[in-house]
Amino acid sequence: MIGEKYMFQSLSPIFSGVVTFEGNQKGLITGVGKVCIPYYPSIDNVLLVKGLKHNVNFNKDMCIIRNKDNSSLFYAKR
């Protein structure tokens, strides 16, 4: 999930629900697509979520999601 439209290489609009995040706030899912960062593998089926503000970092080995205080909240190996 990403909250920034500019990060998508391709994006298809969808309106299929909401995502709940910090403080029980909800963000509307407005699209799905492919995120491609130069020199790293691309990721398919990434959701575009309106209002999502969490930090998501990608590198060649994993994806790291961080809290506002920069502590690791979740990570996944590629």
PDB file of N, CA and C in Angstrom:
ATOM      1  N   MET A   1       0.842  -1.180   0.000  1.00  0.00           N
ATOM      2  CA  MET A   1       0.000   0.000   0.000  1.00  0.00           C
ATOM      3  C   MET A   1       0.878   1.231   0.000  1.00  0.00           C
ATOM      4  N   ILE A   2       0.471   2.172  -0.786  1.00  0.00           N
ATOM      5  CA  ILE A   2       1.192   3.437  -0.906  1.00  0.00           C
ATOM      6  C   ILE A   2       0.151   4.553  -0.974  1.00  0.00           C
ATOM      7  N   GLY A   3       0.508   5.722  -0.494  1.00  0.00           N
ATOM      8  CA  GLY A   3      -0.395   6.865  -0.551  1.00  0.00           C
ATOM      9  C   GLY A   3      -0.002   7.887  -1.596  1.00  0.00           C
ATOM     10  N   GLU A   4       1.039   7.619  -2.382  1.00  0.00           N
ATOM     11  CA  GLU A   4       1.551   8.578  -3.362  1.00  0.00           C
ATOM     12  C   GLU A   4       1.397   8.049  -4.786  1.00  0.00           C
ATOM     13  N   LYS A   5       0.573   8.707  -5.576  1.00  0.00           N
ATOM     14  CA  LYS A   5       0.265   8.284  -6.942  1.00  0.00           C
ATOM     15  C   LYS A   5       1.494   8.305  -7.851  1.00  0.00           C
ATOM     16  N   TYR A   6       2.410   9.237  -7.647  1.00  0.00           N
ATOM     17  CA  TYR A   6       3.570   9.389  -8.526  1.00  0.00           C
ATOM     18  C   TYR A   6       4.509   8.176  -8.495  1.00  0.00           C
ATOM     19  N   MET A   7       4.413   7.317  -7.474  1.00  0.00           N
ATOM     20  CA  MET A   7       5.319   6.180  -7.348  1.00  0.00           C
ATOM     21  C   MET A   7       4.942   5.001  -8.255  1.00  0.00           C
ATOM     22  N   PHE A   8       3.798   5.057  -8.903  1.00  0.00           N
ATOM     23  CA  PHE A   8       3.325   3.959  -9.727  1.00  0.00           C
ATOM     24  C   PHE A   8       3.835   4.062 -11.157  1.00  0.00           C
ATOM     25  N   GLN A   9       4.280   2.930 -11.692  1.00  0.00           N
ATOM     26  CA  GLN A   9       4.640   2.841 -13.104  1.00  0.00           C
ATOM     27  C   GLN A   9       3.370   2.666 -13.929  1.00  0.00           C
ATOM     28  N   SER A  10       2.437   1.874 -13.420  1.00  0.00           N
ATOM     29  CA  SER A  10       1.117   1.723 -14.039  1.00  0.00           C
ATOM     30  C   SER A  10       0.094   1.713 -12.916  1.00  0.00           C
ATOM     31  N   LEU A  11      -1.102   2.223 -13.216  1.00  0.00           N
ATOM     32  CA  LEU A  11      -2.125   2.345 -12.181  1.00  0.00           C
ATOM     33  C   LEU A  11      -3.502   2.244 -12.816  1.00  0.00           C
ATOM     34  N   SER A  12      -4.345   1.384 -12.251  1.00  0.00           N
ATOM     35  CA  SER A  12      -5.736   1.246 -12.694  1.00  0.00           C
ATOM     36  C   SER A  12      -6.649   1.695 -11.564  1.00  0.00           C
ATOM     37  N   PRO A  13      -7.618   2.559 -11.867  1.00  0.00           N
ATOM     38  CA  PRO A  13      -8.532   3.005 -10.816  1.00  0.00           C
ATOM     39  C   PRO A  13      -9.427   1.866 -10.344  1.00  0.00           C
ATOM     40  N   ILE A  14      -9.599   1.742  -9.039  1.00  0.00           N
ATOM     41  CA  ILE A  14     -10.575   0.833  -8.437  1.00  0.00           C
ATOM     42  C   ILE A  14     -11.135   1.520  -7.203  1.00  0.00           C
ATOM     43  N   PHE A  15     -12.321   1.174  -6.849  1.00  0.00           N
ATOM     44  CA  PHE A  15     -12.945   1.709  -5.645  1.00  0.00           C
ATOM     45  C   PHE A  15     -13.582   0.527  -4.933  1.00  0.00           C
ATOM     46  N   SER A  16     -12.737  -0.224  -4.213  1.00  0.00           N
ATOM     47  CA  SER A  16     -13.214  -1.501  -3.695  1.00  0.00           C
ATOM     48  C   SER A  16     -13.080  -1.657  -2.189  1.00  0.00           C
ATOM     49  N   GLY A  17     -13.099  -0.594  -1.461  1.00  0.00           N
ATOM     50  CA  GLY A  17     -13.060  -0.756  -0.021  1.00  0.00           C
ATOM     51  C   GLY A  17     -12.173   0.241   0.674  1.00  0.00           C
ATOM     52  N   VAL A  18     -11.897  -0.054   1.923  1.00  0.00           N
ATOM     53  CA  VAL A  18     -11.096   0.818   2.763  1.00  0.00           C
ATOM     54  C   VAL A  18     -10.028   0.007   3.478  1.00  0.00           C
ATOM     55  N   VAL A  19      -8.993   0.700   3.937  1.00  0.00           N
ATOM     56  CA  VAL A  19      -7.925   0.118   4.742  1.00  0.00           C
ATOM     57  C   VAL A  19      -7.924   0.872   6.061  1.00  0.00           C
ATOM     58  N   THR A  20      -7.807   0.150   7.154  1.00  0.00           N
ATOM     59  CA  THR A  20      -7.746   0.759   8.479  1.00  0.00           C
ATOM     60  C   THR A  20      -6.293   0.847   8.909  1.00  0.00           C
ATOM     61  N   PHE A  21      -5.870   2.023   9.377  1.00  0.00           N
ATOM     62  CA  PHE A  21      -4.510   2.198   9.850  1.00  0.00           C
ATOM     63  C   PHE A  21      -4.504   3.032  11.119  1.00  0.00           C
ATOM     64  N   GLU A  22      -3.348   3.486  11.539  1.00  0.00           N
ATOM     65  CA  GLU A  22      -3.120   4.146  12.820  1.00  0.00           C
ATOM     66  C   GLU A  22      -4.313   4.949  13.338  1.00  0.00           C
ATOM     67  N   GLY A  23      -4.615   4.751  14.613  1.00  0.00           N
ATOM     68  CA  GLY A  23      -5.685   5.505  15.247  1.00  0.00           C
ATOM     69  C   GLY A  23      -7.064   5.108  14.756  1.00  0.00           C
ATOM     70  N   ASN A  24      -7.193   3.930  14.161  1.00  0.00           N
ATOM     71  CA  ASN A  24      -8.448   3.430  13.606  1.00  0.00           C
ATOM     72  C   ASN A  24      -8.978   4.316  12.481  1.00  0.00           C
ATOM     73  N   GLN A  25      -8.089   5.084  11.855  1.00  0.00           N
ATOM     74  CA  GLN A  25      -8.475   5.891  10.705  1.00  0.00           C
ATOM     75  C   GLN A  25      -8.625   4.986   9.497  1.00  0.00           C
ATOM     76  N   LYS A  26      -9.416   5.406   8.541  1.00  0.00           N
ATOM     77  CA  LYS A  26      -9.653   4.604   7.352  1.00  0.00           C
ATOM     78  C   LYS A  26      -9.234   5.380   6.111  1.00  0.00           C
ATOM     79  N   GLY A  27      -8.669   4.647   5.134  1.00  0.00           N
ATOM     80  CA  GLY A  27      -8.273   5.228   3.860  1.00  0.00           C
ATOM     81  C   GLY A  27      -8.955   4.491   2.728  1.00  0.00           C
ATOM     82  N   LEU A  28      -9.502   5.208   1.791  1.00  0.00           N
ATOM     83  CA  LEU A  28     -10.201   4.641   0.650  1.00  0.00           C
ATOM     84  C   LEU A  28      -9.207   4.083  -0.368  1.00  0.00           C
ATOM     85  N   ILE A  29      -9.406   2.845  -0.812  1.00  0.00           N
ATOM     86  CA  ILE A  29      -8.588   2.259  -1.867  1.00  0.00           C
ATOM     87  C   ILE A  29      -9.061   2.860  -3.190  1.00  0.00           C
ATOM     88  N   THR A  30      -8.161   3.557  -3.897  1.00  0.00           N
ATOM     89  CA  THR A  30      -8.554   4.243  -5.130  1.00  0.00           C
ATOM     90  C   THR A  30      -7.872   3.703  -6.377  1.00  0.00           C
ATOM     91  N   GLY A  31      -6.931   2.765  -6.217  1.00  0.00           N
ATOM     92  CA  GLY A  31      -6.271   2.207  -7.386  1.00  0.00           C
ATOM     93  C   GLY A  31      -5.402   1.020  -7.038  1.00  0.00           C
ATOM     94  N   VAL A  32      -4.977   0.321  -8.076  1.00  0.00           N
ATOM     95  CA  VAL A  32      -4.055  -0.804  -7.928  1.00  0.00           C
ATOM     96  C   VAL A  32      -3.111  -0.769  -9.118  1.00  0.00           C
ATOM     97  N   GLY A  33      -1.850  -1.079  -8.868  1.00  0.00           N
ATOM     98  CA  GLY A  33      -0.904  -1.022  -9.974  1.00  0.00           C
ATOM     99  C   GLY A  33       0.458  -1.575  -9.626  1.00  0.00           C
ATOM    100  N   LYS A  34       1.426  -1.135 -10.420  1.00  0.00           N
ATOM    101  CA  LYS A  34       2.801  -1.629 -10.333  1.00  0.00           C
ATOM    102  C   LYS A  34       3.722  -0.502  -9.893  1.00  0.00           C
ATOM    103  N   VAL A  35       4.523  -0.775  -8.857  1.00  0.00           N
ATOM    104  CA  VAL A  35       5.514   0.182  -8.367  1.00  0.00           C
ATOM    105  C   VAL A  35       6.876  -0.303  -8.824  1.00  0.00           C
ATOM    106  N   CYS A  36       7.621   0.589  -9.445  1.00  0.00           N
ATOM    107  CA  CYS A  36       8.951   0.237  -9.959  1.00  0.00           C
ATOM    108  C   CYS A  36       9.922   1.330  -9.553  1.00  0.00           C
ATOM    109  N   ILE A  37      10.895   0.971  -8.742  1.00  0.00           N
ATOM    110  CA  ILE A  37      11.937   1.892  -8.305  1.00  0.00           C
ATOM    111  C   ILE A  37      13.199   1.528  -9.072  1.00  0.00           C
ATOM    112  N   PRO A  38      13.871   2.478  -9.711  1.00  0.00           N
ATOM    113  CA  PRO A  38      15.060   2.148 -10.510  1.00  0.00           C
ATOM    114  C   PRO A  38      16.064   1.284  -9.745  1.00  0.00           C
ATOM    115  N   TYR A  39      16.577   0.283 -10.425  1.00  0.00           N
ATOM    116  CA  TYR A  39      17.591  -0.646  -9.925  1.00  0.00           C
ATOM    117  C   TYR A  39      17.062  -1.673  -8.928  1.00  0.00           C
ATOM    118  N   TYR A  40      15.758  -1.729  -8.710  1.00  0.00           N
ATOM    119  CA  TYR A  40      15.161  -2.702  -7.803  1.00  0.00           C
ATOM    120  C   TYR A  40      14.042  -3.447  -8.527  1.00  0.00           C
ATOM    121  N   PRO A  41      13.700  -4.646  -8.062  1.00  0.00           N
ATOM    122  CA  PRO A  41      12.588  -5.379  -8.685  1.00  0.00           C
ATOM    123  C   PRO A  41      11.281  -4.602  -8.530  1.00  0.00           C
ATOM    124  N   SER A  42      10.390  -4.752  -9.500  1.00  0.00           N
ATOM    125  CA  SER A  42       9.087  -4.097  -9.408  1.00  0.00           C
ATOM    126  C   SER A  42       8.155  -4.919  -8.525  1.00  0.00           C
ATOM    127  N   ILE A  43       7.100  -4.280  -8.043  1.00  0.00           N
ATOM    128  CA  ILE A  43       6.112  -4.939  -7.188  1.00  0.00           C
ATOM    129  C   ILE A  43       4.745  -4.732  -7.831  1.00  0.00           C
ATOM    130  N   ASP A  44       4.049  -5.838  -8.098  1.00  0.00           N
ATOM    131  CA  ASP A  44       2.720  -5.789  -8.708  1.00  0.00           C
ATOM    132  C   ASP A  44       1.631  -5.783  -7.640  1.00  0.00           C
ATOM    133  N   ASN A  45       0.437  -5.369  -8.050  1.00  0.00           N
ATOM    134  CA  ASN A  45      -0.759  -5.390  -7.189  1.00  0.00           C
ATOM    135  C   ASN A  45      -0.600  -4.567  -5.916  1.00  0.00           C
ATOM    136  N   VAL A  46       0.013  -3.396  -6.045  1.00  0.00           N
ATOM    137  CA  VAL A  46       0.158  -2.467  -4.924  1.00  0.00           C
ATOM    138  C   VAL A  46      -1.088  -1.584  -4.892  1.00  0.00           C
ATOM    139  N   LEU A  47      -1.668  -1.413  -3.715  1.00  0.00           N
ATOM    140  CA  LEU A  47      -2.870  -0.595  -3.572  1.00  0.00           C
ATOM    141  C   LEU A  47      -2.514   0.875  -3.360  1.00  0.00           C
ATOM    142  N   LEU A  48      -3.231   1.750  -4.037  1.00  0.00           N
ATOM    143  CA  LEU A  48      -3.148   3.192  -3.790  1.00  0.00           C
ATOM    144  C   LEU A  48      -4.246   3.517  -2.784  1.00  0.00           C
ATOM    145  N   VAL A  49      -3.856   4.035  -1.627  1.00  0.00           N
ATOM    146  CA  VAL A  49      -4.796   4.296  -0.540  1.00  0.00           C
ATOM    147  C   VAL A  49      -4.784   5.779  -0.207  1.00  0.00           C
ATOM    148  N   LYS A  50      -5.922   6.418  -0.388  1.00  0.00           N
ATOM    149  CA  LYS A  50      -6.056   7.851  -0.098  1.00  0.00           C
ATOM    150  C   LYS A  50      -5.866   8.078   1.402  1.00  0.00           C
ATOM    151  N   GLY A  51      -4.969   8.993   1.744  1.00  0.00           N
ATOM    152  CA  GLY A  51      -4.740   9.350   3.138  1.00  0.00           C
ATOM    153  C   GLY A  51      -3.672   8.544   3.845  1.00  0.00           C
ATOM    154  N   LEU A  52      -3.085   7.552   3.179  1.00  0.00           N
ATOM    155  CA  LEU A  52      -2.044   6.746   3.809  1.00  0.00           C
ATOM    156  C   LEU A  52      -0.773   7.577   3.951  1.00  0.00           C
ATOM    157  N   LYS A  53      -0.236   7.671   5.144  1.00  0.00           N
ATOM    158  CA  LYS A  53       0.927   8.519   5.401  1.00  0.00           C
ATOM    159  C   LYS A  53       2.108   7.779   5.987  1.00  0.00           C
ATOM    160  N   HIS A  54       2.019   6.470   6.178  1.00  0.00           N
ATOM    161  CA  HIS A  54       3.123   5.711   6.766  1.00  0.00           C
ATOM    162  C   HIS A  54       4.305   5.664   5.814  1.00  0.00           C
ATOM    163  N   ASN A  55       5.476   5.520   6.359  1.00  0.00           N
ATOM    164  CA  ASN A  55       6.692   5.415   5.561  1.00  0.00           C
ATOM    165  C   ASN A  55       6.906   3.977   5.129  1.00  0.00           C
ATOM    166  N   VAL A  56       7.070   3.766   3.834  1.00  0.00           N
ATOM    167  CA  VAL A  56       7.341   2.446   3.273  1.00  0.00           C
ATOM    168  C   VAL A  56       8.647   2.533   2.514  1.00  0.00           C
ATOM    169  N   ASN A  57       9.603   1.691   2.892  1.00  0.00           N
ATOM    170  CA  ASN A  57      10.905   1.673   2.234  1.00  0.00           C
ATOM    171  C   ASN A  57      11.099   0.335   1.545  1.00  0.00           C
ATOM    172  N   PHE A  58      11.600   0.383   0.308  1.00  0.00           N
ATOM    173  CA  PHE A  58      11.898  -0.823  -0.439  1.00  0.00           C
ATOM    174  C   PHE A  58      13.390  -0.860  -0.729  1.00  0.00           C
ATOM    175  N   ASN A  59      13.983  -2.044  -0.654  1.00  0.00           N
ATOM    176  CA  ASN A  59      15.334  -2.241  -1.154  1.00  0.00           C
ATOM    177  C   ASN A  59      15.367  -3.580  -1.872  1.00  0.00           C
ATOM    178  N   LYS A  60      16.531  -4.017  -2.314  1.00  0.00           N
ATOM    179  CA  LYS A  60      16.589  -5.232  -3.125  1.00  0.00           C
ATOM    180  C   LYS A  60      16.229  -6.485  -2.342  1.00  0.00           C
ATOM    181  N   ASP A  61      16.272  -6.447  -1.002  1.00  0.00           N
ATOM    182  CA  ASP A  61      16.017  -7.625  -0.191  1.00  0.00           C
ATOM    183  C   ASP A  61      14.669  -7.638   0.526  1.00  0.00           C
ATOM    184  N   MET A  62      14.126  -6.452   0.843  1.00  0.00           N
ATOM    185  CA  MET A  62      12.906  -6.428   1.642  1.00  0.00           C
ATOM    186  C   MET A  62      12.138  -5.117   1.519  1.00  0.00           C
ATOM    187  N   CYS A  63      10.940  -5.136   2.069  1.00  0.00           N
ATOM    188  CA  CYS A  63      10.087  -3.959   2.212  1.00  0.00           C
ATOM    189  C   CYS A  63       9.963  -3.699   3.705  1.00  0.00           C
ATOM    190  N   ILE A  64      10.171  -2.460   4.133  1.00  0.00           N
ATOM    191  CA  ILE A  64      10.091  -2.093   5.544  1.00  0.00           C
ATOM    192  C   ILE A  64       9.039  -0.999   5.704  1.00  0.00           C
ATOM    193  N   ILE A  65       8.128  -1.198   6.615  1.00  0.00           N
ATOM    194  CA  ILE A  65       7.112  -0.192   6.924  1.00  0.00           C
ATOM    195  C   ILE A  65       7.443   0.358   8.304  1.00  0.00           C
ATOM    196  N   ARG A  66       7.507   1.693   8.404  1.00  0.00           N
ATOM    197  CA  ARG A  66       7.932   2.340   9.645  1.00  0.00           C
ATOM    198  C   ARG A  66       6.829   3.214  10.233  1.00  0.00           C
ATOM    199  N   ASN A  67       6.857   3.341  11.556  1.00  0.00           N
ATOM    200  CA  ASN A  67       5.971   4.256  12.272  1.00  0.00           C
ATOM    201  C   ASN A  67       6.446   5.688  12.085  1.00  0.00           C
ATOM    202  N   LYS A  68       5.669   6.630  12.576  1.00  0.00           N
ATOM    203  CA  LYS A  68       6.052   8.038  12.511  1.00  0.00           C
ATOM    204  C   LYS A  68       7.357   8.313  13.242  1.00  0.00           C
ATOM    205  N   ASP A  69       7.655   7.526  14.310  1.00  0.00           N
ATOM    206  CA  ASP A  69       8.896   7.724  15.057  1.00  0.00           C
ATOM    207  C   ASP A  69      10.074   6.983  14.418  1.00  0.00           C
ATOM    208  N   ASN A  70       9.876   6.438  13.217  1.00  0.00           N
ATOM    209  CA  ASN A  70      10.886   5.748  12.413  1.00  0.00           C
ATOM    210  C   ASN A  70      11.232   4.355  12.930  1.00  0.00           C
ATOM    211  N   SER A  71      10.495   3.846  13.899  1.00  0.00           N
ATOM    212  CA  SER A  71      10.727   2.462  14.340  1.00  0.00           C
ATOM    213  C   SER A  71      10.055   1.511  13.348  1.00  0.00           C
ATOM    214  N   SER A  72      10.631   0.317  13.184  1.00  0.00           N
ATOM    215  CA  SER A  72      10.087  -0.661  12.238  1.00  0.00           C
ATOM    216  C   SER A  72       8.773  -1.215  12.753  1.00  0.00           C
ATOM    217  N   LEU A  73       7.776  -1.196  11.898  1.00  0.00           N
ATOM    218  CA  LEU A  73       6.462  -1.716  12.238  1.00  0.00           C
ATOM    219  C   LEU A  73       6.273  -3.100  11.632  1.00  0.00           C
ATOM    220  N   PHE A  74       6.773  -3.283  10.394  1.00  0.00           N
ATOM    221  CA  PHE A  74       6.584  -4.538   9.659  1.00  0.00           C
ATOM    222  C   PHE A  74       7.628  -4.612   8.577  1.00  0.00           C
ATOM    223  N   TYR A  75       8.075  -5.830   8.274  1.00  0.00           N
ATOM    224  CA  TYR A  75       8.967  -6.003   7.126  1.00  0.00           C
ATOM    225  C   TYR A  75       8.658  -7.323   6.457  1.00  0.00           C
ATOM    226  N   ALA A  76       8.950  -7.400   5.180  1.00  0.00           N
ATOM    227  CA  ALA A  76       8.746  -8.618   4.404  1.00  0.00           C
ATOM    228  C   ALA A  76       9.912  -8.812   3.464  1.00  0.00           C
ATOM    229  N   LYS A  77      10.414 -10.030   3.402  1.00  0.00           N
ATOM    230  CA  LYS A  77      11.497 -10.339   2.469  1.00  0.00           C
ATOM    231  C   LYS A  77      10.936 -10.476   1.069  1.00  0.00           C
ATOM    232  N   ARG A  78      11.750 -10.114   0.073  1.00  0.00           N
ATOM    233  CA  ARG A  78      11.354 -10.287  -1.320  1.00  0.00           C
ATOM    234  C   ARG A  78      11.729 -11.643  -1.801  1.00  0.00           C
TER     235      ARG A  78
END
